[in-house]
Amino acid sequence: MGAASRRKGSDAERELRRKLVELLGEELAGQVSQDRSGGCDIVGVGRFAIEVKRRERPEIESWWAQACSQAENRGQWPALAWRQSRRPWQVLVPLQTILGGDADPRAAPRAALDLEGFALLIREVEEAVR
């Protein structure tokens, strides 16, 4: 991977972290970070391990497999966030996180949410476990 591609990925992660902090509140700012061990891109957002992609040609299936594997290693739920140029963020999550259940996220149906919907899901899930 070239330097420009790595920089684009890092910029995307920072952009998404900033937007999640805006949507979920300042108290989240200290918790949202990158997993430096080579795992998921963003951790500390509810029960989700988030893989972030910023490409013009989405590769959803391979990205989803990567997100599921990295989330499984952390004992968290996978989320795949991606954005194309001049397009809004989209977030893919296993439908079981919304409906409940223990299905394997790799095989389970998925739900695509906009960033505001993902923030709402995080708040609702966190509220339910309190």
C-alpha atoms as a PDB file:
ATOM      1  CA  MET A   1       0.000   0.000   0.000  1.00  0.00           C
ATOM      2  CA  GLY A   2       1.417   3.381  -1.013  1.00  0.00           C
ATOM      3  CA  ALA A   3       1.862   6.420   1.200  1.00  0.00           C
ATOM      4  CA  ALA A   4      -1.053   8.265  -0.413  1.00  0.00           C
ATOM      5  CA  SER A   5      -3.366   5.315   0.202  1.00  0.00           C
ATOM      6  CA  ARG A   6      -2.292   5.031   3.862  1.00  0.00           C
ATOM      7  CA  ARG A   7      -2.776   8.769   4.346  1.00  0.00           C
ATOM      8  CA  LYS A   8      -6.263   8.568   2.802  1.00  0.00           C
ATOM      9  CA  GLY A   9      -7.137   5.734   5.196  1.00  0.00           C
ATOM     10  CA  SER A  10      -5.805   7.621   8.225  1.00  0.00           C
ATOM     11  CA  ASP A  11      -7.698  10.746   7.192  1.00  0.00           C
ATOM     12  CA  ALA A  12     -10.900   8.699   6.863  1.00  0.00           C
ATOM     13  CA  GLU A  13     -10.441   7.205  10.350  1.00  0.00           C
ATOM     14  CA  ARG A  14      -9.912  10.655  11.885  1.00  0.00           C
ATOM     15  CA  GLU A  15     -12.941  12.048  10.027  1.00  0.00           C
ATOM     16  CA  LEU A  16     -15.180   9.217  11.208  1.00  0.00           C
ATOM     17  CA  ARG A  17     -13.937   9.426  14.819  1.00  0.00           C
ATOM     18  CA  ARG A  18     -14.633  13.180  14.825  1.00  0.00           C
ATOM     19  CA  LYS A  19     -18.158  12.670  13.466  1.00  0.00           C
ATOM     20  CA  LEU A  20     -18.929   9.918  15.995  1.00  0.00           C
ATOM     21  CA  VAL A  21     -17.746  12.124  18.854  1.00  0.00           C
ATOM     22  CA  GLU A  22     -20.011  14.914  17.540  1.00  0.00           C
ATOM     23  CA  LEU A  23     -23.009  12.563  17.341  1.00  0.00           C
ATOM     24  CA  LEU A  24     -22.441  10.659  20.577  1.00  0.00           C
ATOM     25  CA  GLY A  25     -21.110  13.374  22.851  1.00  0.00           C
ATOM     26  CA  GLU A  26     -17.869  14.677  24.240  1.00  0.00           C
ATOM     27  CA  GLU A  27     -17.554  11.983  26.899  1.00  0.00           C
ATOM     28  CA  LEU A  28     -16.802   9.560  24.096  1.00  0.00           C
ATOM     29  CA  ALA A  29     -13.800  11.548  22.861  1.00  0.00           C
ATOM     30  CA  GLY A  30     -11.309   9.897  25.197  1.00  0.00           C
ATOM     31  CA  GLN A  31     -12.595   6.400  24.445  1.00  0.00           C
ATOM     32  CA  VAL A  32     -12.578   6.435  20.652  1.00  0.00           C
ATOM     33  CA  SER A  33      -9.177   5.284  19.480  1.00  0.00           C
ATOM     34  CA  GLN A  34      -7.383   3.077  17.030  1.00  0.00           C
ATOM     35  CA  ASP A  35      -6.397  -0.471  17.859  1.00  0.00           C
ATOM     36  CA  ARG A  36      -2.618  -0.275  17.408  1.00  0.00           C
ATOM     37  CA  SER A  37      -2.201  -4.051  17.332  1.00  0.00           C
ATOM     38  CA  GLY A  38      -3.241  -4.261  13.692  1.00  0.00           C
ATOM     39  CA  GLY A  39      -6.871  -5.010  14.434  1.00  0.00           C
ATOM     40  CA  CYS A  40      -9.937  -2.902  13.810  1.00  0.00           C
ATOM     41  CA  ASP A  41      -9.601   0.778  12.976  1.00  0.00           C
ATOM     42  CA  ILE A  42     -11.756   2.291  15.731  1.00  0.00           C
ATOM     43  CA  VAL A  43     -12.549   0.896  19.173  1.00  0.00           C
ATOM     44  CA  GLY A  44     -14.365   2.320  22.188  1.00  0.00           C
ATOM     45  CA  VAL A  45     -17.665   2.962  20.430  1.00  0.00           C
ATOM     46  CA  GLY A  46     -20.181   0.947  22.374  1.00  0.00           C
ATOM     47  CA  ARG A  47     -19.858  -2.764  21.723  1.00  0.00           C
ATOM     48  CA  PHE A  48     -18.606  -2.257  18.170  1.00  0.00           C
ATOM     49  CA  ALA A  49     -15.217  -2.784  16.572  1.00  0.00           C
ATOM     50  CA  ILE A  50     -15.279  -0.554  13.495  1.00  0.00           C
ATOM     51  CA  GLU A  51     -13.400  -1.174  10.264  1.00  0.00           C
ATOM     52  CA  VAL A  52     -13.091   2.030   8.199  1.00  0.00           C
ATOM     53  CA  LYS A  53     -12.719   2.160   4.415  1.00  0.00           C
ATOM     54  CA  ARG A  54     -12.494   5.115   2.054  1.00  0.00           C
ATOM     55  CA  ARG A  55     -12.444   3.940  -1.550  1.00  0.00           C
ATOM     56  CA  GLU A  56     -14.255   4.722  -4.767  1.00  0.00           C
ATOM     57  CA  ARG A  57     -14.984   1.081  -5.568  1.00  0.00           C
ATOM     58  CA  PRO A  58     -16.476  -0.642  -2.530  1.00  0.00           C
ATOM     59  CA  GLU A  59     -15.390  -4.208  -1.842  1.00  0.00           C
ATOM     60  CA  ILE A  60     -18.104  -4.914   0.695  1.00  0.00           C
ATOM     61  CA  GLU A  61     -17.759  -8.697   0.978  1.00  0.00           C
ATOM     62  CA  SER A  62     -14.005  -8.739   1.608  1.00  0.00           C
ATOM     63  CA  TRP A  63     -14.235  -5.711   3.909  1.00  0.00           C
ATOM     64  CA  TRP A  64     -17.078  -7.360   5.843  1.00  0.00           C
ATOM     65  CA  ALA A  65     -15.049 -10.555   6.314  1.00  0.00           C
ATOM     66  CA  GLN A  66     -12.159  -8.448   7.651  1.00  0.00           C
ATOM     67  CA  ALA A  67     -14.463  -6.506  10.011  1.00  0.00           C
ATOM     68  CA  CYS A  68     -16.005  -9.739  11.348  1.00  0.00           C
ATOM     69  CA  SER A  69     -12.638 -11.375  11.946  1.00  0.00           C
ATOM     70  CA  GLN A  70     -11.194  -8.368  13.763  1.00  0.00           C
ATOM     71  CA  ALA A  71     -14.315  -7.880  15.882  1.00  0.00           C
ATOM     72  CA  GLU A  72     -14.345 -11.563  16.810  1.00  0.00           C
ATOM     73  CA  ASN A  73     -10.735 -11.283  18.013  1.00  0.00           C
ATOM     74  CA  ARG A  74     -11.825  -8.483  20.365  1.00  0.00           C
ATOM     75  CA  GLY A  75     -15.086 -10.125  21.488  1.00  0.00           C
ATOM     76  CA  GLN A  76     -17.100  -7.267  19.967  1.00  0.00           C
ATOM     77  CA  TRP A  77     -19.682  -6.762  17.253  1.00  0.00           C
ATOM     78  CA  PRO A  78     -18.441  -5.889  13.760  1.00  0.00           C
ATOM     79  CA  ALA A  79     -19.239  -2.639  12.006  1.00  0.00           C
ATOM     80  CA  LEU A  80     -17.983  -1.638   8.577  1.00  0.00           C
ATOM     81  CA  ALA A  81     -17.979   2.092   7.833  1.00  0.00           C
ATOM     82  CA  TRP A  82     -17.161   3.312   4.343  1.00  0.00           C
ATOM     83  CA  ARG A  83     -17.435   6.386   2.228  1.00  0.00           C
ATOM     84  CA  GLN A  84     -16.849   7.303  -1.383  1.00  0.00           C
ATOM     85  CA  SER A  85     -15.910  10.826  -2.504  1.00  0.00           C
ATOM     86  CA  ARG A  86     -18.705  13.355  -2.086  1.00  0.00           C
ATOM     87  CA  ARG A  87     -20.935  10.700  -0.545  1.00  0.00           C
ATOM     88  CA  PRO A  88     -22.128  10.252   3.052  1.00  0.00           C
ATOM     89  CA  TRP A  89     -20.781   7.599   5.398  1.00  0.00           C
ATOM     90  CA  GLN A  90     -22.545   4.228   5.427  1.00  0.00           C
ATOM     91  CA  VAL A  91     -22.235   1.687   8.216  1.00  0.00           C
ATOM     92  CA  LEU A  92     -22.933  -2.022   7.858  1.00  0.00           C
ATOM     93  CA  VAL A  93     -23.819  -3.988  11.012  1.00  0.00           C
ATOM     94  CA  PRO A  94     -25.149  -7.500  11.615  1.00  0.00           C
ATOM     95  CA  LEU A  95     -28.935  -7.361  11.845  1.00  0.00           C
ATOM     96  CA  GLN A  96     -28.721  -9.422  15.033  1.00  0.00           C
ATOM     97  CA  THR A  97     -27.366  -6.361  16.864  1.00  0.00           C
ATOM     98  CA  ILE A  98     -30.681  -4.659  16.198  1.00  0.00           C
ATOM     99  CA  LEU A  99     -32.999  -7.636  16.653  1.00  0.00           C
ATOM    100  CA  GLY A 100     -31.028  -9.710  19.139  1.00  0.00           C
ATOM    101  CA  GLY A 101     -29.694 -13.190  18.596  1.00  0.00           C
ATOM    102  CA  ASP A 102     -26.433 -15.058  18.356  1.00  0.00           C
ATOM    103  CA  ALA A 103     -26.042 -15.747  14.642  1.00  0.00           C
ATOM    104  CA  ASP A 104     -22.563 -15.709  13.124  1.00  0.00           C
ATOM    105  CA  PRO A 105     -22.211 -12.159  11.753  1.00  0.00           C
ATOM    106  CA  ARG A 106     -20.425 -13.481   8.645  1.00  0.00           C
ATOM    107  CA  ALA A 107     -23.549 -15.381   7.592  1.00  0.00           C
ATOM    108  CA  ALA A 108     -26.255 -13.289   9.253  1.00  0.00           C
ATOM    109  CA  PRO A 109     -28.321 -10.701   7.407  1.00  0.00           C
ATOM    110  CA  ARG A 110     -26.845  -7.203   7.568  1.00  0.00           C
ATOM    111  CA  ALA A 111     -28.307  -3.737   7.933  1.00  0.00           C
ATOM    112  CA  ALA A 112     -26.853  -0.649   6.238  1.00  0.00           C
ATOM    113  CA  LEU A 113     -27.274   2.539   8.263  1.00  0.00           C
ATOM    114  CA  ASP A 114     -26.318   6.136   7.765  1.00  0.00           C
ATOM    115  CA  LEU A 115     -24.043   7.601  10.435  1.00  0.00           C
ATOM    116  CA  GLU A 116     -26.924   9.117  12.418  1.00  0.00           C
ATOM    117  CA  GLY A 117     -28.708   5.739  12.440  1.00  0.00           C
ATOM    118  CA  PHE A 118     -25.527   4.029  13.639  1.00  0.00           C
ATOM    119  CA  ALA A 119     -25.181   6.573  16.457  1.00  0.00           C
ATOM    120  CA  LEU A 120     -28.803   5.924  17.446  1.00  0.00           C
ATOM    121  CA  LEU A 121     -28.151   2.157  17.461  1.00  0.00           C
ATOM    122  CA  ILE A 122     -25.112   2.623  19.708  1.00  0.00           C
ATOM    123  CA  ARG A 123     -27.106   4.746  22.173  1.00  0.00           C
ATOM    124  CA  GLU A 124     -30.010   2.280  22.214  1.00  0.00           C
ATOM    125  CA  VAL A 125     -27.769  -0.754  22.730  1.00  0.00           C
ATOM    126  CA  GLU A 126     -25.857   0.952  25.538  1.00  0.00           C
ATOM    127  CA  GLU A 127     -29.104   2.060  27.190  1.00  0.00           C
ATOM    128  CA  ALA A 128     -30.486  -1.496  27.021  1.00  0.00           C
ATOM    129  CA  VAL A 129     -27.520  -2.961  28.913  1.00  0.00           C
ATOM    130  CA  ARG A 130     -27.621  -0.399  31.736  1.00  0.00           C
END
